[in-house]
């Protein structure tokens, strides 16, 4: 890790609570001889623009693992922020309040990196930081990527009727369809002071950073795990 691209500091924040719903102990499951969370550790350590790294956790095993890696500091998460109903924004607010004890709020930019995006690379992270630093009128950044399925093809049921998600959906050549993107959960960047005020990840001042589909896969269930193990061998 090296000095940031401007006078502000960029702090990586990796949220990793104990337990999970879709996959038991998901953050510690092995993928290509490494724990899931270690793939994010590697990307952070290779970044040239991150100043400090923090792991927010209540899991002794994750905390022990983080301490084995260089540069990582621990934010011990309280029980009320560690259950399945806890909101990520509250975890972030708790982490910012901790960081404020050690640094000036105005100087802190948070890079939220969820362990469930192990294909995200240090190159993706550094590109996102540069974009965030370049567009000073934007106070937050969220990574996006092309959807696996175009919304034009999505249907749903309402009152026993099958409807298209898009009102004007119709047969068309794929190359003529409008481009859509979805929030892939890989990278969130925001100024700490601004987040405490807005308490939102996305608003009118958010810059959308588009990533390649190959780096945007998110782990949620066991089928995802099987796919991810194959993808990790290729990228």
Protein backbone atom coordinates (compact mmCIF):
# COMPACT_ATOMS: atom_id res chain seq x y z
CA UNK A 1 0.00 0.00 0.00
CA UNK A 2 1.18 3.51 -0.85
CA UNK A 3 0.16 7.11 -0.37
CA UNK A 4 -3.33 8.01 -1.60
CA UNK A 5 -3.98 9.93 -4.82
CA UNK A 6 -4.86 13.07 -2.83
CA UNK A 7 -4.56 14.41 0.71
CA UNK A 8 -7.55 12.40 1.89
CA UNK A 9 -7.08 8.97 3.40
CA UNK A 10 -8.72 5.82 2.05
CA UNK A 11 -9.58 3.21 4.66
CA UNK A 12 -10.63 -0.27 3.54
CA UNK A 13 -13.45 -1.69 5.65
CA UNK A 14 -14.19 -5.42 5.39
CA UNK A 15 -17.42 -6.46 7.19
CA UNK A 16 -17.35 -10.11 8.25
CA UNK A 17 -19.68 -11.25 11.00
CA UNK A 18 -19.82 -14.73 12.49
CA UNK A 19 -22.22 -17.14 10.82
CA UNK A 20 -24.33 -16.66 7.69
CA UNK A 21 -27.71 -17.66 6.28
CA UNK A 22 -27.11 -19.07 2.78
CA UNK A 23 -23.84 -20.89 3.52
CA UNK A 24 -22.67 -21.88 7.00
CA UNK A 25 -19.62 -19.86 8.08
CA UNK A 26 -19.45 -18.43 4.57
CA UNK A 27 -16.55 -16.03 5.18
CA UNK A 28 -14.31 -18.93 6.20
CA UNK A 29 -15.24 -21.41 3.49
CA UNK A 30 -12.29 -22.54 1.34
CA UNK A 31 -12.01 -21.51 -2.30
CA UNK A 32 -8.86 -22.55 -4.15
CA UNK A 33 -6.96 -23.28 -0.92
CA UNK A 34 -7.82 -19.93 0.65
CA UNK A 35 -10.61 -18.80 2.93
CA UNK A 36 -13.21 -16.66 1.18
CA UNK A 37 -12.27 -13.55 3.15
CA UNK A 38 -8.58 -14.02 2.34
CA UNK A 39 -9.23 -13.28 -1.33
CA UNK A 40 -10.34 -9.80 -0.25
CA UNK A 41 -7.34 -9.52 2.09
CA UNK A 42 -5.05 -10.23 -0.88
CA UNK A 43 -6.69 -7.57 -3.06
CA UNK A 44 -6.43 -4.97 -0.31
CA UNK A 45 -2.77 -5.77 0.39
CA UNK A 46 -1.95 -5.40 -3.32
CA UNK A 47 -3.72 -2.05 -3.61
CA UNK A 48 -1.43 0.94 -4.17
CA UNK A 49 -3.94 3.52 -2.96
CA UNK A 50 -5.38 2.20 0.31
CA UNK A 51 -3.91 3.80 3.43
CA UNK A 52 -5.27 1.59 6.19
CA UNK A 53 -7.26 -1.67 6.44
CA UNK A 54 -9.93 -2.62 8.97
CA UNK A 55 -12.00 -5.74 9.56
CA UNK A 56 -15.32 -5.37 11.39
CA UNK A 57 -16.15 -8.70 13.02
CA UNK A 58 -17.44 -10.54 16.07
CA UNK A 59 -15.93 -13.87 14.94
CA UNK A 60 -12.79 -14.97 16.86
CA UNK A 61 -11.68 -17.13 13.92
CA UNK A 62 -11.93 -14.26 11.44
CA UNK A 63 -10.18 -11.91 13.86
CA UNK A 64 -7.35 -14.42 14.35
CA UNK A 65 -7.04 -14.88 10.58
CA UNK A 66 -6.99 -11.12 9.94
CA UNK A 67 -4.17 -10.66 12.46
CA UNK A 68 -2.04 -13.14 10.49
CA UNK A 69 -2.20 -10.86 7.47
CA UNK A 70 -0.13 -7.68 7.42
CA UNK A 71 -1.64 -4.25 8.01
CA UNK A 72 -5.13 -5.30 9.15
CA UNK A 73 -6.69 -3.72 12.23
CA UNK A 74 -9.77 -5.02 14.04
CA UNK A 75 -13.03 -3.25 14.85
CA UNK A 76 -14.80 -5.51 17.32
CA UNK A 77 -18.47 -5.64 16.33
CA UNK A 78 -21.18 -5.60 18.97
CA UNK A 79 -23.78 -8.37 19.18
CA UNK A 80 -26.64 -6.14 18.02
CA UNK A 81 -24.69 -5.50 14.80
CA UNK A 82 -23.81 -9.15 14.23
CA UNK A 83 -27.17 -10.85 13.65
CA UNK A 84 -28.88 -11.52 10.32
CA UNK A 85 -31.24 -8.55 10.75
CA UNK A 86 -28.44 -5.99 11.29
CA UNK A 87 -28.21 -3.36 8.55
CA UNK A 88 -24.93 -2.71 6.78
CA UNK A 89 -25.37 1.04 7.16
CA UNK A 90 -25.37 0.63 10.94
CA UNK A 91 -22.20 -1.49 10.77
CA UNK A 92 -20.58 1.28 8.74
CA UNK A 93 -21.72 3.99 11.14
CA UNK A 94 -20.29 2.01 14.06
CA UNK A 95 -16.99 1.63 12.20
CA UNK A 96 -16.82 5.34 11.33
CA UNK A 97 -17.42 6.28 14.97
CA UNK A 98 -14.49 4.04 15.90
CA UNK A 99 -12.24 5.59 13.25
CA UNK A 100 -13.15 9.11 14.39
CA UNK A 101 -11.36 8.41 17.63
CA UNK A 102 -8.10 8.04 15.70
CA UNK A 103 -8.39 10.49 12.80
CA UNK A 104 -10.19 13.61 11.57
CA UNK A 105 -13.59 12.79 10.11
CA UNK A 106 -13.13 15.08 7.09
CA UNK A 107 -10.01 13.19 6.01
CA UNK A 108 -11.57 9.72 5.99
CA UNK A 109 -12.94 7.99 2.91
CA UNK A 110 -14.29 4.48 3.44
CA UNK A 111 -13.92 1.69 0.89
CA UNK A 112 -16.46 -0.96 1.83
CA UNK A 113 -15.35 -4.36 0.50
CA UNK A 114 -17.62 -7.30 1.19
CA UNK A 115 -15.86 -10.71 1.27
CA UNK A 116 -18.62 -12.20 -0.91
CA UNK A 117 -16.99 -10.65 -4.01
CA UNK A 118 -13.73 -12.62 -4.24
CA UNK A 119 -13.20 -12.00 -7.98
CA UNK A 120 -12.81 -8.26 -7.41
CA UNK A 121 -9.12 -7.34 -7.82
CA UNK A 122 -6.74 -4.70 -6.51
CA UNK A 123 -6.86 -3.16 -9.99
CA UNK A 124 -10.65 -2.76 -9.68
CA UNK A 125 -10.23 -1.17 -6.26
CA UNK A 126 -7.55 1.30 -7.36
CA UNK A 127 -9.50 2.29 -10.49
CA UNK A 128 -12.54 2.97 -8.32
CA UNK A 129 -10.48 5.12 -5.93
CA UNK A 130 -9.11 7.16 -8.85
CA UNK A 131 -12.63 7.70 -10.20
CA UNK A 132 -13.90 8.76 -6.78
CA UNK A 133 -11.00 11.20 -6.43
CA UNK A 134 -11.46 12.62 -9.92
CA UNK A 135 -15.17 13.43 -9.70
CA UNK A 136 -15.13 15.72 -6.69
CA UNK A 137 -18.80 16.69 -7.14
CA UNK A 138 -19.70 13.10 -6.24
CA UNK A 139 -19.60 12.12 -2.57
CA UNK A 140 -19.96 8.37 -2.97
CA UNK A 141 -19.19 5.62 -5.48
CA UNK A 142 -20.91 2.29 -6.11
CA UNK A 143 -19.66 -0.46 -8.42
CA UNK A 144 -21.96 -1.83 -11.10
CA UNK A 145 -21.79 -4.40 -13.88
CA UNK A 146 -23.95 -5.65 -16.78
CA UNK A 147 -26.79 -7.95 -15.64
CA UNK A 148 -26.63 -11.66 -16.38
CA UNK A 149 -30.21 -11.44 -17.67
CA UNK A 150 -31.59 -8.38 -19.43
CA UNK A 151 -34.62 -6.87 -17.60
CA UNK A 152 -36.49 -7.06 -20.91
CA UNK A 153 -36.68 -10.84 -20.40
CA UNK A 154 -37.85 -10.81 -16.78
CA UNK A 155 -41.46 -11.67 -15.92
CA UNK A 156 -43.37 -11.75 -12.64
CA UNK A 157 -46.82 -12.70 -11.40
CA UNK A 158 -49.42 -10.26 -10.08
CA UNK A 159 -53.02 -11.26 -9.31
CA UNK A 160 -52.45 -14.56 -11.14
CA UNK A 161 -51.36 -12.70 -14.26
CA UNK A 162 -47.92 -13.04 -15.80
CA UNK A 163 -46.43 -9.63 -16.60
CA UNK A 164 -43.17 -8.37 -18.00
CA UNK A 165 -41.02 -6.38 -15.58
CA UNK A 166 -40.66 -3.62 -18.17
CA UNK A 167 -43.93 -2.25 -19.47
CA UNK A 168 -42.65 -1.85 -23.01
CA UNK A 169 -40.88 -5.18 -23.20
CA UNK A 170 -41.05 -6.70 -26.67
CA UNK A 171 -39.10 -8.87 -29.03
CA UNK A 172 -35.98 -7.09 -30.27
CA UNK A 173 -32.43 -7.82 -31.30
CA UNK A 174 -30.27 -7.88 -28.18
CA UNK A 175 -27.84 -5.35 -29.64
CA UNK A 176 -30.74 -2.86 -29.89
CA UNK A 177 -31.85 -3.18 -26.28
CA UNK A 178 -31.19 -0.40 -23.78
CA UNK A 179 -28.16 -0.96 -21.57
CA UNK A 180 -28.86 -1.74 -17.93
CA UNK A 181 -26.51 -2.20 -14.99
CA UNK A 182 -26.97 -3.62 -11.52
CA UNK A 183 -25.24 -2.82 -8.24
CA UNK A 184 -22.88 -5.78 -7.87
CA UNK A 185 -21.90 -5.25 -4.22
CA UNK A 186 -18.16 -5.36 -4.93
CA UNK A 187 -17.06 -1.81 -4.08
CA UNK A 188 -18.61 1.09 -2.17
CA UNK A 189 -16.63 4.29 -1.52
CA UNK A 190 -17.88 7.29 0.45
CA UNK A 191 -16.65 10.15 2.56
CA UNK A 192 -17.17 9.32 6.24
CA UNK A 193 -18.59 12.69 7.24
CA UNK A 194 -20.99 12.67 4.29
CA UNK A 195 -22.18 9.14 5.13
CA UNK A 196 -22.94 10.04 8.73
CA UNK A 197 -25.13 12.84 7.39
CA UNK A 198 -26.94 10.94 4.63
CA UNK A 199 -26.81 7.35 6.00
CA UNK A 200 -27.26 6.04 2.45
CA UNK A 201 -24.98 4.22 0.01
CA UNK A 202 -26.73 5.58 -3.08
CA UNK A 203 -28.21 9.02 -3.71
CA UNK A 204 -28.08 11.84 -6.26
CA UNK A 205 -24.38 12.42 -5.53
CA UNK A 206 -23.32 8.85 -6.27
CA UNK A 207 -20.92 7.95 -9.09
CA UNK A 208 -21.55 4.55 -10.69
CA UNK A 209 -18.32 2.70 -11.45
CA UNK A 210 -18.79 -0.01 -14.06
CA UNK A 211 -16.79 -3.22 -13.63
CA UNK A 212 -16.37 -6.18 -15.95
CA UNK A 213 -18.86 -8.97 -15.47
CA UNK A 214 -16.00 -11.43 -14.88
CA UNK A 215 -14.99 -9.60 -11.66
CA UNK A 216 -18.51 -9.00 -10.37
CA UNK A 217 -19.71 -12.43 -9.25
CA UNK A 218 -21.19 -12.45 -5.74
CA UNK A 219 -21.36 -15.51 -3.49
CA UNK A 220 -24.75 -16.16 -1.91
CA UNK A 221 -25.57 -19.88 -1.93
CA UNK A 222 -24.03 -23.29 -2.63
CA UNK A 223 -24.74 -23.14 -6.37
CA UNK A 224 -22.85 -19.83 -6.48
CA UNK A 225 -20.01 -21.56 -4.65
CA UNK A 226 -19.70 -24.25 -7.31
CA UNK A 227 -19.67 -21.65 -10.08
CA UNK A 228 -17.23 -19.44 -8.21
CA UNK A 229 -14.68 -22.22 -7.76
CA UNK A 230 -14.61 -22.69 -11.53
CA UNK A 231 -14.41 -18.96 -12.23
CA UNK A 232 -11.61 -18.46 -9.69
CA UNK A 233 -9.47 -20.90 -11.66
CA UNK A 234 -9.92 -18.82 -14.80
CA UNK A 235 -9.43 -15.28 -13.44
